[in-house]
Amino acid sequence: MSYQPSAHSQALFKAGLAAEAEHNYLEALSKYTASLEAGNGQIQTWLRIGNLFLRTMKYQQAAETMEFVLGMDPQNIEAIYGLAIAYFYLGRHEEACAFIDHVAETAPDNATYALDRANIHSLARPDPARKRQLYEAWGQRFADPLGKHPAAFDHDRAPDRVLRIGYVSGDMRHHAVAYFMEPVLAHHDPAQVETFVYATSREQDAVTERLRQYVPHWHDVSRLNDEALHALIRQHKIDILVDLSGHTHGNRLFVFARRAAPVQVTWLGYVGSTLGMRGMDYRLTDWGMDPAGNERYYVEKLFRLHCMASYIPPDDAPLEPVPPMLQGNPPTLASLNSSRKLTDSALLVWKKILEARPDTQLLIHVQEKSVEDAVNTIEPRLIRLGLPLDRIIVSPMVPMEEFMTRGQIVDIALDSFPVSGGTTTLHTLWMGLPIIAMDATDAVSISTASTLKGLGLHDWVAATEEAYVAKVLHLLDHPEYLVEHRARARQLLQQSVLMDYAGRCRDLENAYRQLWLNYLLGEPRFLALHTPYSEDLQQLRKTYEAEQARAL
């Protein structure tokens, strides 16, 4: 006989659903818990509770809840999926991969399962060939069919006219993407491009308002579905549509799949992995992030800039000129990247450093919002791997103003591997901290190493784990190097291509022009910024003028 909840239990469950819809997760958890009745399974209620724990980054509790559900129903696909996500964030990567593989194979028509399979493998096992296979499988099944019969474009084919550029992003707010996009939006030349922004998130803040001032055509499209947004972009006759989200929250990749513009490009939002869909024509990158040969790992064609992006540092970021270890404090190392990038292999290397220097402590900055949740997530891993808990400081997520003061308590930063830092690396360098990083070839692993090499800091890039350890120990033994670096760190960044905002924006506009010429030529002739194109531009201009004359 199946379980039938009482009227009171049903009312509480519905109240929980309503609270969850309003993002009042604490109230929702209270209602769901109160709706549970003794002696009954109520699997759906437990699943809601487990998913609330996932949303609030209480991964240990989420795992325990999903395990409890599987005890009642061993084949419950939602619980297996939830357990895959929880295990991934708890650092149990092998189990996470096994569970997400099972889920995706059991429910092949579920786009979320297929995509998260690619996402989890991308970070847990950064094999670029395998990543392409998984993302391409998602694209072929869910994205590519949407673009089988796109309507033709009737855009003005003048090769040197002002181009209409559309940026699609869920992160036009206080977010890492904004640090890269603000210099671009502020320096675009209206004689070259007319700028449109399609902001897909309802979240807005002071950064949103600041960015909006730079953009002549700003559209809040958070309430438009994919079909409506596709129609709007078509109506605006966008020449080059730029995705800034990739497979992250707020993306509108299915709009790109439907072919909303003649040229479609992905940039910034999803570094290191192909999007896997045929509707994305190009990926903007550079030679450091994607060395020659990396083309085989992408469905998109690679267009290489001189430097992939600009960087604008956060406001109110004080620089402490003296390392803490020279102020009577224990030498302090720090992992400042998102904790989802932490692998057992990296933690074991850091363990070797701590063993070699018993006077040194390690700060691990994680993404949970409370100290309790942070400790519950990371401490079991540290115990399992045998790291000295008495010399490890676990920090939850903190406001940017506080994060940018980490240089006052940290001496040396440790880059995660095989998945490296991105924006955090630049923030860390702005703090005046040296970073030791592993070298690599694929973009998701080489980001920090590429940045360091571009700044002339090759000595901080290690080819092996042994070299990584040696470089950290060398800096600990020579704190005078830390003082020297802090004295020149900001000037080093300010004089680099990363903060040459006008120059980077001109490069970007030249890239857009070459991508437009590729479209007019009907072939991807230009795939790097340094490629001369003036002769092709002149020839296309003559052809265009001749066609216009015939039309008259």
Protein backbone atom coordinates (compact mmCIF):
# COMPACT_ATOMS: atom_id res chain seq x y z
CA MET A 1 0.00 0.00 0.00
CA SER A 2 1.49 3.33 -1.08
CA TYR A 3 2.04 6.12 1.42
CA GLN A 4 -0.53 8.94 1.45
CA PRO A 5 0.59 12.02 3.43
CA SER A 6 -1.88 13.70 5.74
CA ALA A 7 -3.53 16.98 4.81
CA HIS A 8 -1.34 18.76 7.37
CA SER A 9 1.82 17.23 5.90
CA GLN A 10 0.76 18.22 2.37
CA ALA A 11 0.11 21.79 3.48
CA LEU A 12 3.54 22.07 5.05
CA PHE A 13 5.17 20.60 1.95
CA LYS A 14 3.40 23.13 -0.30
CA ALA A 15 4.49 25.92 2.05
CA GLY A 16 8.05 24.65 1.65
CA LEU A 17 7.74 24.76 -2.14
CA ALA A 18 6.46 28.34 -1.95
CA ALA A 19 9.32 29.41 0.32
CA GLU A 20 11.85 27.73 -1.94
CA ALA A 21 10.42 29.53 -4.98
CA GLU A 22 11.06 32.81 -3.14
CA HIS A 23 14.65 31.68 -2.38
CA ASN A 24 13.83 31.61 1.33
CA TYR A 25 15.75 28.40 1.82
CA LEU A 26 15.83 28.41 5.62
CA GLU A 27 12.04 28.71 5.76
CA ALA A 28 11.68 26.03 3.07
CA LEU A 29 13.92 23.65 5.03
CA SER A 30 11.85 24.26 8.15
CA LYS A 31 8.58 23.51 6.35
CA TYR A 32 9.89 20.41 4.60
CA THR A 33 11.30 19.04 7.85
CA ALA A 34 8.04 19.72 9.69
CA SER A 35 6.08 17.92 6.96
CA LEU A 36 7.91 14.63 7.55
CA GLU A 37 5.78 12.04 9.27
CA ALA A 38 7.07 9.18 11.42
CA GLY A 39 7.37 5.79 9.78
CA ASN A 40 6.87 7.01 6.21
CA GLY A 41 9.42 7.35 3.41
CA GLN A 42 8.35 10.64 1.85
CA ILE A 43 11.17 10.39 -0.66
CA GLN A 44 10.23 13.58 -2.53
CA THR A 45 10.44 15.59 0.66
CA TRP A 46 13.88 14.21 1.45
CA LEU A 47 14.98 15.00 -2.10
CA ARG A 48 13.84 18.61 -1.68
CA ILE A 49 15.79 18.80 1.57
CA GLY A 50 18.90 17.35 -0.09
CA ASN A 51 18.66 19.82 -2.96
CA LEU A 52 18.30 22.70 -0.50
CA PHE A 53 21.55 21.61 1.12
CA LEU A 54 23.18 21.64 -2.32
CA ARG A 55 21.88 25.13 -3.08
CA THR A 56 23.17 26.46 0.22
CA MET A 57 26.56 24.71 -0.20
CA LYS A 58 26.08 22.38 2.75
CA TYR A 59 27.63 19.53 0.81
CA GLN A 60 28.24 17.11 3.66
CA GLN A 61 24.59 17.35 4.73
CA ALA A 62 23.50 17.05 1.10
CA ALA A 63 25.52 13.87 0.66
CA GLU A 64 24.11 12.33 3.84
CA THR A 65 20.56 13.19 2.78
CA MET A 66 20.95 11.72 -0.71
CA GLU A 67 22.55 8.59 0.78
CA PHE A 68 19.52 8.29 3.07
CA VAL A 69 17.18 8.49 0.06
CA LEU A 70 19.16 5.79 -1.73
CA GLY A 71 18.76 3.62 1.34
CA MET A 72 15.01 3.79 0.75
CA ASP A 73 15.16 3.68 -3.06
CA PRO A 74 18.55 2.46 -4.40
CA GLN A 75 17.68 3.32 -8.01
CA ASN A 76 16.42 6.86 -7.41
CA ILE A 77 18.00 8.82 -10.25
CA GLU A 78 17.53 12.23 -8.60
CA ALA A 79 19.33 11.08 -5.48
CA ILE A 80 22.19 9.60 -7.49
CA TYR A 81 22.50 12.89 -9.38
CA GLY A 82 22.45 14.90 -6.16
CA LEU A 83 25.08 12.61 -4.68
CA ALA A 84 27.30 13.14 -7.73
CA ILE A 85 27.17 16.91 -7.21
CA ALA A 86 27.76 16.65 -3.44
CA TYR A 87 30.65 14.22 -3.83
CA PHE A 88 32.26 16.48 -6.43
CA TYR A 89 32.32 19.44 -4.05
CA LEU A 90 33.51 17.22 -1.22
CA GLY A 91 36.51 16.25 -3.33
CA ARG A 92 35.34 12.66 -3.88
CA HIS A 93 35.95 13.03 -7.60
CA GLU A 94 36.15 9.40 -8.66
CA GLU A 95 32.80 8.62 -7.04
CA ALA A 96 31.28 11.79 -8.48
CA CYS A 97 32.36 10.82 -11.99
CA ALA A 98 30.98 7.30 -11.58
CA PHE A 99 27.61 8.57 -10.33
CA ILE A 100 27.20 11.27 -12.98
CA ASP A 101 28.13 8.77 -15.70
CA HIS A 102 25.42 6.43 -14.44
CA VAL A 103 22.84 9.21 -14.31
CA ALA A 104 23.61 10.52 -17.82
CA GLU A 105 23.56 7.03 -19.33
CA THR A 106 20.33 6.11 -17.54
CA ALA A 107 18.52 9.31 -18.61
CA PRO A 108 20.09 10.27 -21.96
CA ASP A 109 17.34 12.78 -22.77
CA ASN A 110 18.08 14.94 -19.73
CA ALA A 111 20.15 17.96 -20.83
CA THR A 112 21.15 18.88 -17.27
CA TYR A 113 22.59 15.44 -16.57
CA ALA A 114 24.53 15.42 -19.85
CA LEU A 115 25.94 18.88 -19.25
CA ASP A 116 26.90 18.28 -15.63
CA ARG A 117 28.59 15.07 -16.72
CA ALA A 118 30.83 17.15 -18.96
CA ASN A 119 31.30 19.82 -16.27
CA ILE A 120 32.29 17.35 -13.55
CA HIS A 121 34.69 15.45 -15.78
CA SER A 122 36.12 18.75 -17.04
CA LEU A 123 37.27 19.69 -13.55
CA ALA A 124 37.79 16.31 -11.94
CA ARG A 125 39.67 14.78 -14.86
CA PRO A 126 40.94 17.59 -17.10
CA ASP A 127 41.62 15.44 -20.16
CA PRO A 128 40.94 17.85 -23.05
CA ALA A 129 40.09 15.11 -25.56
CA ARG A 130 37.58 13.54 -23.18
CA LYS A 131 36.12 16.96 -22.37
CA ARG A 132 35.51 17.64 -26.05
CA GLN A 133 33.82 14.27 -26.45
CA LEU A 134 31.41 14.90 -23.56
CA TYR A 135 30.56 18.50 -24.45
CA GLU A 136 30.15 17.62 -28.10
CA ALA A 137 27.76 14.81 -27.14
CA TRP A 138 25.69 17.38 -25.23
CA GLY A 139 25.78 19.76 -28.20
CA GLN A 140 24.78 17.16 -30.75
CA ARG A 141 21.85 15.97 -28.65
CA PHE A 142 20.44 19.23 -27.27
CA ALA A 143 21.85 22.31 -29.06
CA ASP A 144 22.64 21.47 -32.67
CA PRO A 145 19.08 20.35 -33.62
CA LEU A 146 17.83 23.86 -32.80
CA GLY A 147 19.90 25.35 -35.62
CA LYS A 148 19.21 22.95 -38.46
CA HIS A 149 17.18 25.41 -40.54
CA PRO A 150 18.18 29.00 -39.61
CA ALA A 151 16.64 31.87 -41.50
CA ALA A 152 18.94 33.72 -43.90
CA PHE A 153 20.48 37.07 -42.91
CA ASP A 154 20.02 40.23 -44.98
CA HIS A 155 22.69 42.35 -43.27
CA ASP A 156 24.53 45.08 -45.13
CA ARG A 157 27.64 43.27 -46.46
CA ALA A 158 29.89 46.36 -46.51
CA PRO A 159 33.26 45.10 -45.19
CA ASP A 160 34.35 48.28 -43.42
CA ARG A 161 31.13 49.65 -42.00
CA VAL A 162 30.41 50.07 -38.28
CA LEU A 163 29.76 46.58 -36.90
CA ARG A 164 26.91 45.87 -34.53
CA ILE A 165 28.33 43.85 -31.63
CA GLY A 166 26.08 42.13 -29.11
CA TYR A 167 27.30 40.84 -25.74
CA VAL A 168 25.15 38.21 -24.00
CA SER A 169 25.92 37.69 -20.32
CA GLY A 170 24.43 36.69 -17.01
CA ASP A 171 27.26 38.43 -15.17
CA MET A 172 26.89 42.14 -15.84
CA ARG A 173 27.17 42.83 -12.12
CA HIS A 174 29.65 42.30 -9.28
CA HIS A 175 31.29 39.29 -10.92
CA ALA A 176 34.67 38.25 -12.31
CA VAL A 177 33.52 38.86 -15.91
CA ALA A 178 32.88 42.50 -15.07
CA TYR A 179 36.56 43.01 -14.21
CA PHE A 180 37.42 42.04 -17.77
CA MET A 181 34.50 43.67 -19.56
CA GLU A 182 34.48 47.13 -18.02
CA PRO A 183 37.64 48.26 -19.84
CA VAL A 184 36.23 46.91 -23.11
CA LEU A 185 32.87 48.62 -22.82
CA ALA A 186 34.51 51.86 -21.70
CA HIS A 187 36.97 51.98 -24.62
CA HIS A 188 34.92 50.77 -27.59
CA ASP A 189 35.27 53.13 -30.58
CA PRO A 190 31.83 54.09 -31.94
CA ALA A 191 33.45 54.64 -35.32
CA GLN A 192 34.19 50.90 -35.40
CA VAL A 193 31.45 49.21 -33.42
CA GLU A 194 27.94 49.87 -32.13
CA THR A 195 27.57 48.05 -28.82
CA PHE A 196 24.57 46.12 -27.53
CA VAL A 197 24.37 44.29 -24.20
CA TYR A 198 21.80 41.58 -23.47
CA ALA A 199 21.84 41.11 -19.70
CA THR A 200 20.23 37.79 -18.83
CA SER A 201 20.26 37.98 -15.02
CA ARG A 202 17.76 39.76 -12.81
CA GLU A 203 20.55 40.47 -10.33
CA GLN A 204 21.67 44.10 -10.65
CA ASP A 205 23.97 46.22 -8.51
CA ALA A 206 26.21 49.26 -8.62
CA VAL A 207 28.51 47.54 -11.12
CA THR A 208 25.52 47.02 -13.44
CA GLU A 209 24.73 50.72 -13.34
CA ARG A 210 28.35 51.64 -14.02
CA LEU A 211 28.60 49.30 -17.01
CA ARG A 212 25.28 50.50 -18.38
CA GLN A 213 26.69 54.02 -18.78
CA TYR A 214 29.19 52.79 -21.37
CA VAL A 215 26.68 50.97 -23.58
CA PRO A 216 24.36 52.78 -26.03
CA HIS A 217 21.96 49.81 -26.30
CA TRP A 218 21.46 47.99 -22.99
CA HIS A 219 18.68 45.40 -22.79
CA ASP A 220 17.51 43.58 -19.68
CA VAL A 221 16.38 40.29 -21.24
CA SER A 222 16.09 38.30 -18.02
CA ARG A 223 12.36 37.77 -18.57
CA LEU A 224 12.59 36.77 -22.24
CA ASN A 225 12.62 33.10 -23.21
CA ASP A 226 15.09 31.83 -25.79
CA GLU A 227 12.72 32.26 -28.73
CA ALA A 228 11.92 35.86 -27.80
CA LEU A 229 15.57 36.76 -27.23
CA HIS A 230 16.53 35.15 -30.53
CA ALA A 231 13.89 37.24 -32.30
CA LEU A 232 15.04 40.45 -30.56
CA ILE A 233 18.68 39.95 -31.55
CA ARG A 234 17.63 39.19 -35.12
CA GLN A 235 15.52 42.36 -35.11
CA HIS A 236 18.56 44.39 -33.99
CA LYS A 237 20.59 42.96 -36.89
CA ILE A 238 23.56 42.09 -34.71
CA ASP A 239 26.57 41.22 -36.86
CA ILE A 240 28.70 39.52 -34.22
CA LEU A 241 27.10 38.02 -31.12
CA VAL A 242 29.44 37.35 -28.20
CA ASP A 243 28.69 34.85 -25.45
CA LEU A 244 30.28 35.79 -22.10
CA SER A 245 28.84 32.96 -19.99
CA GLY A 246 29.61 29.65 -21.64
CA HIS A 247 28.11 26.82 -19.60
CA THR A 248 27.81 28.93 -16.43
CA HIS A 249 24.68 30.26 -14.75
CA GLY A 250 22.70 32.73 -16.85
CA ASN A 251 23.90 31.50 -20.23
CA ARG A 252 21.62 31.60 -23.26
CA LEU A 253 23.46 29.13 -25.44
CA PHE A 254 20.26 27.84 -26.99
CA VAL A 255 19.80 31.31 -28.51
CA PHE A 256 23.17 30.88 -30.19
CA ALA A 257 22.20 27.36 -31.22
CA ARG A 258 19.24 28.86 -33.10
CA ARG A 259 21.68 31.15 -35.00
CA ALA A 260 20.85 34.68 -33.87
CA ALA A 261 23.71 36.43 -35.73
CA PRO A 262 25.88 35.76 -38.79
CA VAL A 263 29.00 35.44 -36.59
CA GLN A 264 28.84 33.93 -33.09
CA VAL A 265 31.72 33.98 -30.64
CA THR A 266 32.40 32.77 -27.10
CA TRP A 267 34.81 34.62 -24.85
CA LEU A 268 35.83 34.87 -21.18
CA GLY A 269 32.99 33.10 -19.42
CA TYR A 270 34.05 29.49 -19.93
CA VAL A 271 37.78 29.12 -20.36
CA GLY A 272 39.43 25.83 -21.14
CA SER A 273 36.60 23.69 -22.50
CA THR A 274 34.73 23.66 -25.78
CA LEU A 275 31.04 24.50 -25.60
CA GLY A 276 30.46 21.52 -27.87
CA MET A 277 27.87 23.14 -30.16
CA ARG A 278 28.07 23.81 -33.89
CA GLY A 279 26.28 27.14 -33.57
CA MET A 280 29.31 28.75 -31.89
CA ASP A 281 31.71 29.74 -34.65
CA TYR A 282 34.74 31.03 -32.76
CA ARG A 283 36.45 31.18 -29.39
CA LEU A 284 38.59 34.22 -28.57
CA THR A 285 41.81 33.11 -26.88
CA ASP A 286 45.57 33.74 -27.14
CA TRP A 287 48.73 31.74 -27.75
CA GLY A 288 49.49 31.43 -24.04
CA MET A 289 46.11 29.95 -23.16
CA ASP A 290 45.90 27.81 -26.26
CA PRO A 291 49.27 26.88 -27.78
CA ALA A 292 49.43 25.62 -31.36
CA GLY A 293 47.69 22.28 -31.67
CA ASN A 294 44.94 22.98 -29.15
CA GLU A 295 42.49 23.37 -32.02
CA ARG A 296 41.77 19.65 -31.82
CA TYR A 297 40.15 20.11 -28.41
CA TYR A 298 37.46 22.55 -29.55
CA VAL A 299 34.38 22.45 -31.73
CA GLU A 300 34.74 26.24 -32.15
CA LYS A 301 37.52 27.67 -34.30
CA LEU A 302 40.17 29.43 -32.23
CA PHE A 303 40.88 33.08 -32.94
CA ARG A 304 43.99 34.17 -31.08
CA LEU A 305 44.39 37.69 -29.76
CA HIS A 306 47.71 39.12 -28.56
CA CYS A 307 46.31 38.93 -25.03
CA MET A 308 43.02 37.29 -24.22
CA ALA A 309 41.65 39.94 -21.85
CA SER A 310 42.16 43.12 -19.88
CA TYR A 311 42.13 43.35 -16.12
CA ILE A 312 40.77 46.08 -13.90
CA PRO A 313 41.53 45.55 -10.20
CA PRO A 314 38.94 45.96 -7.44
CA ASP A 315 38.68 49.26 -5.62
CA ASP A 316 40.01 49.64 -2.08
CA ALA A 317 42.71 46.98 -2.27
CA PRO A 318 45.51 48.03 0.11
CA LEU A 319 49.04 46.78 -0.56
CA GLU A 320 51.03 45.64 2.48
CA PRO A 321 54.73 46.21 1.63
CA VAL A 322 56.15 43.85 4.29
CA PRO A 323 55.35 40.10 4.18
CA PRO A 324 53.69 38.83 7.37
CA MET A 325 56.54 36.38 8.01
CA LEU A 326 58.86 39.36 8.45
CA GLN A 327 56.49 40.89 10.98
CA GLY A 328 56.86 38.07 13.50
CA ASN A 329 54.06 35.88 12.10
CA PRO A 330 54.39 32.24 11.02
CA PRO A 331 55.14 31.85 7.31
CA THR A 332 51.73 31.53 5.66
CA LEU A 333 50.86 29.90 2.35
CA ALA A 334 47.40 30.25 0.80
CA SER A 335 45.11 28.58 -1.67
CA LEU A 336 42.83 31.41 -2.80
CA ASN A 337 41.09 29.73 -5.75
CA SER A 338 37.61 28.26 -5.58
CA SER A 339 37.67 25.07 -3.53
CA ARG A 340 35.96 23.18 -6.35
CA LYS A 341 39.33 23.35 -8.11
CA LEU A 342 41.13 21.60 -5.27
CA THR A 343 42.30 18.11 -6.13
CA ASP A 344 43.84 15.47 -3.92
CA SER A 345 47.02 15.64 -6.00
CA ALA A 346 47.45 19.35 -5.22
CA LEU A 347 46.67 18.88 -1.53
CA LEU A 348 49.25 16.10 -1.30
CA VAL A 349 51.91 18.36 -2.83
CA TRP A 350 51.04 21.08 -0.33
CA LYS A 351 51.34 18.45 2.40
CA LYS A 352 54.95 17.87 1.34
CA ILE A 353 55.66 21.57 1.71
CA LEU A 354 54.17 21.63 5.20
CA GLU A 355 56.19 18.56 6.16
CA ALA A 356 59.39 20.21 4.94
CA ARG A 357 58.63 23.43 6.85
CA PRO A 358 57.01 22.63 10.25
CA ASP A 359 56.88 26.36 11.05
CA THR A 360 54.59 27.09 8.08
CA GLN A 361 50.79 27.26 8.02
CA LEU A 362 48.32 27.01 5.14
CA LEU A 363 45.20 29.10 4.55
CA ILE A 364 42.59 27.40 2.37
CA HIS A 365 39.96 29.76 1.02
CA VAL A 366 36.76 27.88 0.15
CA GLN A 367 33.47 28.85 -1.45
CA GLU A 368 31.08 28.02 1.39
CA LYS A 369 29.55 31.02 3.11
CA SER A 370 29.99 30.05 6.77
CA VAL A 371 32.94 28.73 8.73
CA GLU A 372 30.91 25.71 9.82
CA ASP A 373 29.99 24.73 6.25
CA ALA A 374 33.53 25.40 5.06
CA VAL A 375 35.05 23.15 7.71
CA ASN A 376 32.45 20.42 7.18
CA THR A 377 33.27 20.34 3.47
CA ILE A 378 37.07 20.44 3.49
CA GLU A 379 38.14 18.92 6.82
CA PRO A 380 37.23 15.28 6.02
CA ARG A 381 39.44 15.48 2.93
CA LEU A 382 42.33 16.93 4.90
CA ILE A 383 42.03 14.16 7.48
CA ARG A 384 41.84 11.48 4.80
CA LEU A 385 44.99 12.81 3.13
CA GLY A 386 46.86 13.26 6.40
CA LEU A 387 47.39 17.03 6.35
CA PRO A 388 48.18 18.67 9.71
CA LEU A 389 44.90 20.26 10.77
CA ASP A 390 46.60 22.27 13.52
CA ARG A 391 48.47 24.24 10.84
CA ILE A 392 45.59 24.77 8.42
CA ILE A 393 43.24 27.76 8.50
CA VAL A 394 39.94 27.31 6.66
CA SER A 395 38.29 30.51 5.47
CA PRO A 396 34.75 30.72 4.06
CA MET A 397 33.81 33.05 1.25
CA VAL A 398 34.34 36.67 2.25
CA PRO A 399 33.40 40.03 0.66
CA MET A 400 35.78 41.28 -2.02
CA GLU A 401 37.02 44.09 0.22
CA GLU A 402 38.16 41.54 2.79
CA PHE A 403 39.47 39.11 0.21
CA MET A 404 41.75 41.80 -1.23
CA THR A 405 43.43 42.19 2.17
CA ARG A 406 44.72 38.59 2.17
CA GLY A 407 48.16 39.96 1.34
CA GLN A 408 48.31 41.25 4.92
CA ILE A 409 48.18 37.71 6.34
CA VAL A 410 49.63 35.60 3.50
CA ASP A 411 53.21 35.38 2.22
CA ILE A 412 52.97 33.06 -0.81
CA ALA A 413 49.99 31.88 -2.89
CA LEU A 414 49.69 28.32 -4.18
CA ASP A 415 47.90 27.83 -7.48
CA SER A 416 45.58 24.85 -7.75
CA PHE A 417 46.23 22.15 -10.32
CA PRO A 418 45.43 20.61 -12.71
CA VAL A 419 42.67 23.28 -12.80
CA SER A 420 44.33 26.64 -12.29
CA GLY A 421 43.13 30.05 -11.18
CA GLY A 422 41.82 32.76 -13.50
CA THR A 423 40.57 36.09 -12.18
CA THR A 424 41.75 35.09 -8.70
CA THR A 425 45.31 34.87 -10.03
CA LEU A 426 45.18 38.49 -11.15
CA HIS A 427 43.65 39.61 -7.86
CA THR A 428 46.39 37.72 -6.00
CA LEU A 429 49.16 39.36 -8.01
CA TRP A 430 47.56 42.76 -7.36
CA MET A 431 47.83 41.99 -3.63
CA GLY A 432 51.59 41.68 -4.12
CA LEU A 433 51.71 37.93 -3.58
CA PRO A 434 53.93 35.59 -5.56
CA ILE A 435 52.14 32.54 -6.99
CA ILE A 436 53.67 29.15 -7.62
CA ALA A 437 51.91 27.37 -10.49
CA MET A 438 52.16 24.18 -12.51
CA ASP A 439 52.85 24.41 -16.24
CA ALA A 440 50.43 22.75 -18.67
CA THR A 441 49.14 22.88 -22.23
CA ASP A 442 45.34 22.92 -22.08
CA ALA A 443 43.65 26.23 -21.23
CA VAL A 444 41.89 25.15 -18.04
CA SER A 445 45.24 24.15 -16.54
CA ILE A 446 47.62 26.73 -17.95
CA SER A 447 45.82 29.98 -17.09
CA THR A 448 48.02 31.02 -14.15
CA ALA A 449 51.22 29.78 -15.74
CA SER A 450 50.40 31.71 -18.92
CA THR A 451 49.75 34.89 -16.92
CA LEU A 452 53.02 34.53 -15.00
CA LYS A 453 55.03 33.95 -18.18
CA GLY A 454 53.39 36.97 -19.81
CA LEU A 455 54.57 39.10 -16.87
CA GLY A 456 58.09 37.70 -17.04
CA LEU A 457 57.67 35.64 -13.86
CA HIS A 458 58.83 32.36 -15.38
CA ASP A 459 60.66 31.30 -12.21
CA TRP A 460 57.33 30.72 -10.46
CA VAL A 461 56.15 28.17 -13.06
CA ALA A 462 56.98 24.55 -12.22
CA ALA A 463 57.24 21.69 -14.71
CA THR A 464 56.86 18.95 -12.07
CA GLU A 465 55.43 18.46 -8.60
CA GLU A 466 58.97 18.24 -7.21
CA ALA A 467 59.84 21.57 -8.80
CA TYR A 468 56.62 23.08 -7.42
CA VAL A 469 57.64 22.11 -3.88
CA ALA A 470 61.19 23.34 -4.40
CA LYS A 471 60.07 26.74 -5.67
CA VAL A 472 57.82 27.31 -2.64
CA LEU A 473 60.57 26.28 -0.23
CA HIS A 474 63.04 28.55 -2.02
CA LEU A 475 60.76 31.56 -1.54
CA LEU A 476 60.22 30.67 2.10
CA ASP A 477 63.99 30.59 2.57
CA HIS A 478 64.45 33.96 0.83
CA PRO A 479 61.81 36.38 2.15
CA GLU A 480 63.77 39.25 0.65
CA TYR A 481 62.36 38.14 -2.73
CA LEU A 482 58.88 38.59 -1.32
CA VAL A 483 59.71 42.16 -0.29
CA GLU A 484 61.13 42.94 -3.72
CA HIS A 485 58.08 41.57 -5.48
CA ARG A 486 55.61 43.48 -3.33
CA ALA A 487 57.46 46.68 -4.16
CA ARG A 488 57.05 46.18 -7.90
CA ALA A 489 53.96 43.97 -8.21
CA ARG A 490 51.42 46.62 -9.16
CA GLN A 491 53.73 48.46 -11.52
CA LEU A 492 54.41 45.13 -13.23
CA LEU A 493 50.70 44.69 -13.91
CA GLN A 494 50.07 48.32 -14.80
CA GLN A 495 52.80 48.29 -17.43
CA SER A 496 51.64 45.00 -18.94
CA VAL A 497 49.24 44.36 -21.79
CA LEU A 498 46.65 43.31 -19.20
CA MET A 499 46.10 46.91 -18.17
CA ASP A 500 46.60 48.55 -21.57
CA TYR A 501 42.87 48.97 -21.87
CA ALA A 502 42.75 51.06 -25.05
CA GLY A 503 45.24 48.79 -26.80
CA ARG A 504 43.37 45.62 -25.88
CA CYS A 505 40.09 47.11 -27.06
CA ARG A 506 41.62 48.09 -30.42
CA ASP A 507 42.87 44.52 -30.75
CA LEU A 508 39.39 43.22 -30.01
CA GLU A 509 37.82 45.50 -32.60
CA ASN A 510 40.39 44.39 -35.18
CA ALA A 511 39.51 40.80 -34.33
CA TYR A 512 35.82 41.53 -34.90
CA ARG A 513 36.66 43.09 -38.26
CA GLN A 514 38.58 39.99 -39.33
CA LEU A 515 35.76 37.71 -38.20
CA TRP A 516 33.37 39.79 -40.28
CA LEU A 517 35.66 39.44 -43.28
CA ASN A 518 35.71 35.68 -42.75
CA TYR A 519 31.92 35.74 -42.96
CA LEU A 520 31.92 37.77 -46.16
CA LEU A 521 34.59 35.54 -47.70
CA GLY A 522 32.75 32.42 -46.69
CA GLU A 523 35.84 30.86 -45.15
CA PRO A 524 37.84 31.26 -41.88
CA ARG A 525 40.86 32.89 -43.51
CA PHE A 526 41.79 34.97 -40.47
CA LEU A 527 42.33 33.14 -37.19
CA ALA A 528 44.95 35.30 -35.49
CA LEU A 529 45.19 39.01 -34.85
CA HIS A 530 48.55 39.51 -36.50
CA THR A 531 47.32 38.22 -39.87
CA PRO A 532 47.40 41.07 -42.47
CA TYR A 533 43.99 41.69 -43.97
CA SER A 534 44.12 45.09 -45.68
CA GLU A 535 44.27 43.62 -49.20
CA ASP A 536 41.26 41.40 -48.54
CA LEU A 537 39.39 44.37 -47.10
CA GLN A 538 40.11 46.47 -50.21
CA GLN A 539 39.06 43.66 -52.55
CA LEU A 540 35.84 43.10 -50.63
CA ARG A 541 35.15 46.84 -50.73
CA LYS A 542 35.52 46.83 -54.54
CA THR A 543 33.24 43.83 -54.85
CA TYR A 544 30.67 45.43 -52.58
CA GLU A 545 30.69 48.72 -54.50
CA ALA A 546 30.33 46.87 -57.80
CA GLU A 547 27.32 44.93 -56.44
CA GLN A 548 25.75 48.15 -55.20
CA ALA A 549 26.25 49.79 -58.61
CA ARG A 550 24.63 46.84 -60.39
CA ALA A 551 21.70 47.01 -58.00
CA LEU A 552 21.06 50.60 -59.09
